[in-house]
Protein backbone atom coordinates (compact mmCIF):
# COMPACT_ATOMS: atom_id res chain seq x y z
CA MET A 1 30.82 104.97 167.56
CA TYR A 2 28.94 101.89 166.14
CA ASP A 3 28.75 98.26 166.76
CA ILE A 4 28.17 97.31 163.04
CA LEU A 5 30.91 95.78 162.44
CA GLU A 6 31.55 94.34 165.89
CA GLY A 7 33.45 90.79 165.93
CA LEU A 8 35.74 91.82 162.69
CA ARG A 9 39.15 92.40 163.24
CA VAL A 10 41.50 94.79 161.19
CA VAL A 11 45.30 94.69 161.63
CA GLU A 12 47.16 98.05 160.75
CA GLY A 13 50.50 98.39 160.38
CA SER A 14 50.88 102.00 158.45
CA SER A 15 51.82 105.71 159.02
CA PHE A 16 51.14 108.75 157.49
CA VAL A 17 47.53 109.24 157.16
CA ALA A 18 45.43 107.13 154.42
CA GLY A 19 46.34 104.22 156.43
CA PRO A 20 45.42 105.33 159.74
CA VAL A 21 42.37 106.92 158.22
CA CYS A 22 41.41 103.41 156.69
CA GLY A 23 41.63 101.68 160.34
CA GLN A 24 39.87 104.64 161.92
CA HIS A 25 36.73 103.90 159.81
CA PHE A 26 36.42 100.51 160.76
CA LEU A 27 37.34 101.33 164.45
CA GLU A 28 34.15 103.80 164.20
CA LEU A 29 31.97 101.37 163.11
CA GLY A 30 33.09 98.56 165.54
CA ALA A 31 35.60 96.66 164.04
CA GLU A 32 38.66 95.60 166.35
CA VAL A 33 41.53 97.44 164.80
CA ILE A 34 44.96 96.38 166.19
CA ARG A 35 47.53 98.55 165.42
CA PHE A 36 51.45 97.26 165.47
CA ASP A 37 54.19 99.66 165.71
CA ASP A 38 58.11 99.75 165.82
CA ILE A 39 59.05 99.43 169.82
CA SER A 40 60.69 103.01 169.33
CA GLY A 41 57.26 104.65 168.09
CA GLY A 42 57.63 104.53 164.36
CA LEU A 43 57.52 107.60 161.94
CA ASP A 44 54.09 109.11 163.42
CA SER A 45 55.02 109.12 167.03
CA LYS A 46 56.43 112.65 167.12
CA ARG A 47 54.55 113.85 164.02
CA TRP A 48 52.89 117.33 164.26
CA PRO A 49 51.03 118.79 165.94
CA ILE A 50 52.51 118.23 169.03
CA ASP A 51 51.90 119.64 172.53
CA ALA A 52 54.53 121.41 174.55
CA THR A 53 56.15 118.28 175.67
CA GLY A 54 56.66 116.84 171.80
CA THR A 55 53.46 114.34 172.19
CA SER A 56 52.06 113.74 168.93
CA LEU A 57 48.47 115.09 168.85
CA PHE A 58 48.41 113.99 165.13
CA TRP A 59 48.97 110.16 166.71
CA GLU A 60 46.35 110.21 168.99
CA GLY A 61 43.69 112.01 166.34
CA LEU A 62 44.47 108.79 164.09
CA ASN A 63 44.61 106.37 166.72
CA LYS A 64 41.55 106.83 168.98
CA GLY A 65 40.18 103.29 170.27
CA LYS A 66 42.63 101.01 168.55
CA LYS A 67 44.62 98.28 170.29
CA SER A 68 48.20 99.04 170.35
CA ILE A 69 51.26 96.42 170.62
CA ALA A 70 55.14 97.76 170.07
CA LEU A 71 57.33 95.34 168.39
CA ASP A 72 60.83 95.35 167.80
CA LEU A 73 60.17 95.21 163.70
CA ALA A 74 64.02 95.22 163.03
CA SER A 75 64.42 91.82 164.50
CA PRO A 76 63.59 88.49 163.07
CA GLN A 77 61.07 87.46 165.87
CA GLY A 78 59.40 90.68 166.04
CA ARG A 79 58.47 90.60 162.53
CA GLU A 80 57.49 87.03 163.04
CA LEU A 81 55.10 88.24 165.63
CA SER A 82 53.61 90.92 163.19
CA ILE A 83 53.37 88.21 160.33
CA ALA A 84 51.42 85.74 163.12
CA LEU A 85 49.32 88.83 164.21
CA ILE A 86 48.27 89.86 160.57
CA THR A 87 47.49 86.04 159.58
CA ALA A 88 46.10 84.96 163.01
CA PRO A 89 42.82 82.75 162.44
CA GLY A 90 39.25 83.16 162.26
CA LYS A 91 36.55 83.93 159.99
CA ASN A 92 36.40 87.54 160.86
CA ALA A 93 40.12 88.13 160.84
CA GLY A 94 42.57 87.94 158.27
CA LEU A 95 42.20 91.74 157.26
CA PHE A 96 45.43 93.61 156.95
CA THR A 97 45.88 97.71 156.14
CA THR A 98 49.13 98.75 155.31
CA ASN A 99 51.35 101.33 153.41
CA PHE A 100 54.48 98.85 154.15
CA PRO A 101 56.06 98.33 150.68
CA VAL A 102 55.10 95.86 148.05
CA ASP A 103 58.19 93.89 148.67
CA GLY A 104 59.42 92.63 151.95
CA PHE A 105 58.44 90.53 155.09
CA LEU A 106 55.24 92.40 154.71
CA SER A 107 54.57 91.35 150.73
CA TYR A 108 51.49 90.03 149.98
CA GLU A 109 53.17 87.09 148.45
CA ASN A 110 54.97 86.43 151.78
CA LEU A 111 51.98 86.94 154.20
CA VAL A 112 49.61 84.62 152.20
CA GLN A 113 51.93 81.65 153.04
CA HIS A 114 50.56 81.95 156.34
CA ARG A 115 46.96 82.30 155.49
CA SER A 116 45.70 81.68 151.96
CA ASP A 117 42.42 83.87 152.28
CA LEU A 118 44.23 87.01 153.63
CA VAL A 119 42.73 90.14 152.44
CA VAL A 120 45.32 93.12 152.50
CA ALA A 121 44.49 96.74 151.43
CA ARG A 122 48.06 98.27 150.55
CA ILE A 123 48.14 101.93 150.04
CA MET A 124 50.77 103.02 147.89
CA GLY A 125 52.45 106.24 146.26
CA TRP A 126 52.34 105.24 142.87
CA ALA A 127 50.87 102.02 141.13
CA ASP A 128 54.77 101.09 139.93
CA GLY A 129 55.73 101.53 143.34
CA ARG A 130 57.71 104.90 143.08
CA ASN A 131 57.59 106.54 146.36
CA ALA A 132 55.34 109.15 146.77
CA VAL A 133 53.32 111.43 149.43
CA ASP A 134 49.99 113.34 149.27
CA TYR A 135 51.90 116.70 148.60
CA THR A 136 54.01 115.28 145.69
CA ILE A 137 51.24 113.83 144.43
CA ASN A 138 49.14 116.93 144.27
CA ALA A 139 52.15 118.71 142.76
CA ALA A 140 51.88 116.09 139.82
CA THR A 141 48.18 116.69 139.17
CA GLY A 142 48.59 120.07 138.31
CA LEU A 143 46.22 121.52 140.92
CA PRO A 144 48.94 123.70 142.95
CA LEU A 145 48.81 125.73 139.46
CA MET A 146 45.13 126.28 139.48
CA THR A 147 45.25 127.36 143.29
CA GLY A 148 45.78 130.99 144.55
CA PRO A 149 45.55 134.49 143.74
CA ALA A 150 45.00 135.35 139.94
CA GLU A 151 47.55 137.62 139.89
CA MET A 152 50.29 134.91 140.93
CA PRO A 153 52.65 134.07 138.18
CA ALA A 154 51.73 131.02 136.38
CA ASN A 155 54.58 128.94 136.81
CA HIS A 156 54.45 129.37 140.84
CA PRO A 157 52.76 126.75 142.84
CA VAL A 158 50.28 126.91 145.68
CA ASN A 159 50.43 123.71 148.01
CA HIS A 160 47.12 123.13 149.71
CA VAL A 161 47.56 122.81 153.38
CA LEU A 162 44.87 119.61 153.47
CA PRO A 163 46.18 115.90 152.77
CA ALA A 164 42.86 115.39 150.50
CA TRP A 165 44.60 112.42 148.59
CA ASP A 166 45.38 110.86 151.69
CA LEU A 167 42.19 111.55 153.12
CA ILE A 168 39.92 109.89 150.02
CA THR A 169 42.63 107.07 149.70
CA GLY A 170 42.26 106.09 153.00
CA THR A 171 38.39 106.03 152.84
CA TYR A 172 38.72 104.03 149.30
CA ALA A 173 41.03 101.41 151.05
CA ALA A 174 38.10 100.72 153.92
CA PHE A 175 35.38 100.77 151.56
CA SER A 176 37.56 97.88 149.24
CA LEU A 177 38.56 95.98 152.04
CA VAL A 178 35.05 95.58 153.17
CA ALA A 179 34.11 94.69 149.60
CA ALA A 180 36.66 92.28 149.46
CA GLU A 181 35.81 90.50 152.93
CA ARG A 182 32.33 90.36 151.51
CA ARG A 183 33.86 88.20 148.50
CA ARG A 184 35.81 86.08 150.74
CA ARG A 185 32.62 85.08 152.73
CA LYS A 186 30.94 84.14 149.11
CA THR A 187 34.01 82.47 147.70
CA GLY A 188 36.66 81.74 150.49
CA ILE A 189 39.03 83.61 148.14
CA GLY A 190 41.18 86.51 149.64
CA GLY A 191 43.60 88.86 147.98
CA GLU A 192 45.40 92.06 147.71
CA ILE A 193 43.88 95.43 146.99
CA ARG A 194 46.51 97.92 145.97
CA VAL A 195 45.65 101.62 146.15
CA PRO A 196 47.58 104.40 144.92
CA LEU A 197 47.66 107.86 145.79
CA ALA A 198 48.36 108.73 142.47
CA ASP A 199 45.50 106.85 141.06
CA ILE A 200 43.05 108.12 143.51
CA ALA A 201 44.04 111.57 142.63
CA ALA A 202 43.53 110.92 138.77
CA THR A 203 40.66 109.36 138.96
CA THR A 204 39.27 111.77 141.24
CA MET A 205 39.75 114.70 138.46
CA GLY A 206 38.36 112.50 136.07
CA HIS A 207 35.36 112.17 138.06
CA LEU A 208 35.02 115.96 138.28
CA GLY A 209 35.33 116.57 134.79
CA TRP A 210 38.96 118.08 134.69
CA ILE A 211 40.66 115.63 132.83
CA ALA A 212 38.04 115.78 130.03
CA GLU A 213 38.67 119.92 130.46
CA ALA A 214 42.36 119.81 129.77
CA THR A 215 42.32 117.45 126.92
CA LEU A 216 39.51 119.80 125.10
CA GLY A 217 42.51 122.39 125.55
CA ALA A 218 41.47 124.34 128.36
CA GLU A 219 43.64 125.45 131.17
CA ARG A 220 42.08 126.14 134.42
CA PRO A 221 42.92 129.27 135.44
CA ARG A 222 43.66 130.68 139.05
CA ASP A 223 40.46 132.48 140.18
CA GLY A 224 41.79 133.27 143.79
CA ASN A 225 38.66 133.10 145.91
CA ASP A 226 36.14 133.07 143.13
CA LEU A 227 34.24 129.78 143.07
CA TYR A 228 34.62 128.40 139.26
CA GLY A 229 31.74 127.85 137.42
CA ALA A 230 29.50 129.89 139.48
CA PHE A 231 28.84 132.46 141.37
CA GLY A 232 30.64 132.91 144.73
CA ARG A 233 33.67 134.36 146.48
CA ASP A 234 34.43 136.32 149.89
CA PHE A 235 32.81 139.79 150.87
CA GLU A 236 33.78 142.60 152.98
CA THR A 237 31.66 144.06 155.85
CA VAL A 238 32.05 147.95 156.48
CA ASP A 239 33.88 146.79 159.75
CA GLY A 240 36.18 144.39 158.02
CA LYS A 241 35.03 140.74 158.47
CA ARG A 242 34.43 138.52 155.70
CA MET A 243 31.90 135.78 154.41
CA ILE A 244 31.46 133.65 151.62
CA ILE A 245 28.39 133.87 149.71
CA VAL A 246 27.62 131.21 146.92
CA ALA A 247 24.61 130.62 144.34
CA ILE A 248 24.96 127.93 142.47
CA THR A 249 21.30 126.75 141.98
CA LYS A 250 18.94 128.82 139.97
CA ARG A 251 16.99 128.99 143.33
CA GLN A 252 20.07 130.13 145.38
CA TRP A 253 20.57 132.80 142.64
CA THR A 254 16.96 133.96 142.48
CA SER A 255 16.95 134.51 146.61
CA LEU A 256 20.14 136.34 146.28
CA VAL A 257 18.76 138.91 143.47
CA SER A 258 15.80 139.19 145.66
CA ALA A 259 17.32 139.86 148.84
CA PHE A 260 19.83 142.43 147.90
CA ASN A 261 17.17 144.05 145.80
CA ILE A 262 19.32 143.98 142.78
CA SER A 263 16.96 142.48 140.30
CA ALA A 264 16.84 146.00 138.27
CA ASP A 265 20.70 146.07 137.67
CA VAL A 266 21.18 142.36 136.98
CA ALA A 267 18.43 142.62 134.25
CA LYS A 268 19.83 145.44 132.68
CA ILE A 269 23.44 143.59 132.40
CA GLU A 270 21.38 140.45 131.13
CA GLU A 271 20.06 143.01 128.57
CA GLU A 272 23.35 144.40 127.81
CA LEU A 273 25.16 141.13 127.16
CA GLY A 274 22.17 139.29 125.68
CA ILE A 275 22.56 136.45 128.32
CA SER A 276 20.68 135.19 131.22
CA PHE A 277 22.05 134.61 134.48
CA ASP A 278 19.62 131.92 135.36
CA HIS A 279 22.61 129.96 134.01
CA GLU A 280 25.34 129.49 136.60
CA GLY A 281 28.11 129.51 133.70
CA GLN A 282 27.06 132.90 132.88
CA ARG A 283 26.96 134.20 136.74
CA TYR A 284 31.01 132.93 136.83
CA LEU A 285 31.99 134.52 133.05
CA HIS A 286 30.42 137.90 134.41
CA ARG A 287 31.27 137.48 137.85
CA ASP A 288 33.02 140.63 138.49
CA ARG A 289 30.14 143.03 137.30
CA LEU A 290 28.19 140.68 139.80
CA PHE A 291 30.28 140.71 142.80
CA SER A 292 30.19 144.44 142.70
CA LEU A 293 26.97 144.67 143.25
CA VAL A 294 26.70 142.41 146.15
CA GLN A 295 29.85 144.11 147.55
CA ASP A 296 28.30 147.45 147.29
CA LYS A 297 25.31 145.90 149.45
CA ILE A 298 27.70 144.19 152.07
CA GLY A 299 30.22 146.97 152.25
CA ARG A 300 27.71 149.24 153.82
CA MET A 301 26.62 146.53 156.66
CA SER A 302 28.31 145.86 159.76
CA TYR A 303 29.18 142.19 160.22
CA ALA A 304 26.15 141.84 163.02
CA LYS A 305 23.61 143.33 160.51
CA ALA A 306 25.10 140.89 157.65
CA VAL A 307 24.55 137.78 159.70
CA ASP A 308 21.01 138.83 160.74
CA PHE A 309 20.32 139.70 157.13
CA MET A 310 21.78 136.31 155.91
CA ASP A 311 19.79 134.41 158.50
CA GLU A 312 16.49 136.27 157.71
CA THR A 313 16.89 135.89 153.91
CA GLY A 314 18.08 132.24 154.26
CA LEU A 315 20.93 132.76 151.82
CA CYS A 316 23.75 130.16 151.24
CA TRP A 317 26.73 131.84 153.21
CA GLU A 318 29.18 131.17 156.22
CA THR A 319 31.84 133.42 157.80
CA TYR A 320 35.46 133.01 157.46
CA ARG A 321 37.08 131.88 161.05
CA SER A 322 40.14 131.01 162.90
CA LEU A 323 40.22 127.27 163.32
CA HIS A 324 39.95 128.00 167.05
CA ASP A 325 37.11 130.22 166.71
CA ALA A 326 35.56 127.34 164.46
CA ILE A 327 36.07 124.91 167.55
CA THR A 328 34.42 127.10 170.50
CA MET A 329 32.06 129.01 168.59
CA GLU A 330 28.57 126.97 168.93
CA THR A 331 28.03 126.84 164.99
CA GLY A 332 27.40 123.08 165.07
CA LEU A 333 30.80 122.31 163.19
CA VAL A 334 32.31 120.98 166.77
CA ALA A 335 30.72 122.77 169.68
CA CYS A 336 27.10 121.55 170.27
CA ASN A 337 27.63 118.76 167.47
CA PRO A 338 26.71 115.30 168.90
CA VAL A 339 29.70 113.51 166.77
CA PHE A 340 32.00 115.19 169.32
CA SER A 341 32.50 114.41 173.33
CA GLN A 342 35.08 115.82 175.51
CA GLN A 343 37.77 112.78 176.19
CA SER A 344 40.83 112.65 178.01
CA HIS A 345 43.72 111.43 176.22
CA PRO A 346 47.33 110.00 176.81
CA SER A 347 48.81 113.42 176.33
CA GLY A 348 47.27 114.47 179.27
CA HIS A 349 44.74 116.64 177.37
CA ARG A 350 41.13 116.73 177.12
CA TYR A 351 39.52 118.22 174.11
CA PRO A 352 36.58 117.37 172.04
CA THR A 353 37.24 114.10 170.24
CA SER A 354 35.24 113.04 167.47
CA GLY A 355 33.25 109.76 166.88
CA ALA A 356 31.61 108.38 163.50
CA PRO A 357 30.54 111.11 161.54
CA GLY A 358 27.43 109.45 159.99
CA SER A 359 24.10 108.79 161.48
CA PHE A 360 22.58 105.24 161.16
CA SER A 361 18.73 105.36 161.94
CA GLY A 362 17.68 103.32 164.94
CA LEU A 363 21.24 103.05 165.97
CA THR A 364 22.71 105.24 168.94
CA ARG A 365 26.07 106.55 168.31
CA GLY A 366 28.20 105.35 171.22
CA THR A 367 31.28 108.03 172.85
CA PRO A 368 34.47 108.37 170.95
CA PRO A 369 37.08 106.51 172.76
CA PRO A 370 40.58 107.74 173.83
CA ALA A 371 43.58 107.00 171.97
CA PRO A 372 45.71 104.25 173.34
CA ARG A 373 49.43 104.64 174.56
CA LEU A 374 52.09 103.00 172.68
CA GLY A 375 51.97 99.52 173.55
CA GLU A 376 49.42 99.60 176.01
CA HIS A 377 47.87 96.24 174.70
CA THR A 378 50.95 94.31 173.93
CA GLU A 379 50.27 91.89 176.47
CA LEU A 380 46.49 91.55 175.94
CA ILE A 381 47.52 91.14 172.21
CA LEU A 382 50.04 88.39 172.68
CA ALA A 383 48.10 86.40 174.86
CA ASP A 384 44.33 86.76 173.50
CA THR A 385 45.30 86.95 169.94
CA LEU A 386 48.24 85.18 169.54
CA GLY A 387 47.77 82.68 172.29
CA LEU A 388 51.32 82.95 174.31
CA SER A 389 51.55 82.22 177.64
CA SER A 390 52.83 84.48 180.12
CA GLY A 391 56.23 82.72 180.22
CA GLU A 392 56.60 83.54 176.90
CA ILE A 393 55.61 87.11 176.69
CA ALA A 394 57.85 87.75 179.83
CA ARG A 395 60.79 86.16 177.67
CA LEU A 396 59.70 88.35 174.74
CA HIS A 397 60.17 91.44 176.80
CA ASP A 398 63.31 90.23 178.72
CA ARG A 399 64.73 90.11 174.93
CA GLY A 400 63.25 93.52 174.00
CA ILE A 401 61.31 91.99 171.37
CA VAL A 402 57.89 93.26 172.18
CA ALA A 403 57.21 96.67 174.98
CA SER A 404 54.71 97.75 177.26
CA ALA A 405 53.31 101.13 177.36
CA THR A 406 54.85 103.18 180.33
CA PRO A 407 52.66 103.07 183.25
CA GLN A 408 50.85 106.67 183.89
């Protein structure tokens, strides 16, 4: 955690992944992030993964270090409090990230009446307001028909377990909110940024050349574990362990050929086909013949020998692991990674907790904070941010308009 954005306040009213990710990026760089949820806990309060008691580890993971206020958003006064929080005065305030609908009590048109220079980053499904989540957007992109074993029927989709469009959208929303805040500092003008998941997906595929490829008549095939356009796939050792080996650059390729001592076999294939494997595309087109050469070598090694061999030769490779092994083994991914620190959370569990992933020269990364309990900062926010008296806060509690965290 860093203090680069110290003094900046971002209010978050969101659920699912993209909105909380946006707020988490601000939190990791030092901004104050205030999240409001419905008094019942909201959409994310029980979202999987959960522990044995039903506590959402999902909610804990996406809300580390944020301040939490619980409001009855079904009541007029609860909604008024959320609007007051979003539009509270201060040159470093008036920043809001949300995935609430474009219409309704949190519409930009309604909010801007309370603060003219308000900046809103609104995450959406489709730009026209149609409902969508990451997985339905992914279905619309064609990617599930490119994913999976090559022998699968062409019309059988394979969903991806990673909500990639959510993650990219949340990151882009944070970037856009910073850009809009800079514009406001220069001009005094706020505004709303609409960031649809569908547009993030479409533009990303455009950046990667996939749209151009499709318009030229090429339909991306299923390649199973083969790396599209270059050399790469999984290989199995004699004792049944699997590792991925990749050679994208010419240097990676020449290193692989030298390490496995297959230069004569490779040269023979090149001469037969009249090509050069210095070009990564040729390695992809004729990958089956090349894969067999490498598999023949790997297939004679034990896993332990293969690991030593890969390390000694400096090839680009990695072992396939379960998530548990990835977390606990000292590979630098989680264990022994300074991005992570052991932290206790409201669920009662203590586990490796991530801080800011980037390293800023000259700055020390702080320890990642725990997640809040729902409503843990209700009184603090009502008093310090909205300026309510203790009597006013007590009356809100009595009427069920706000709630505080249950004492542990």
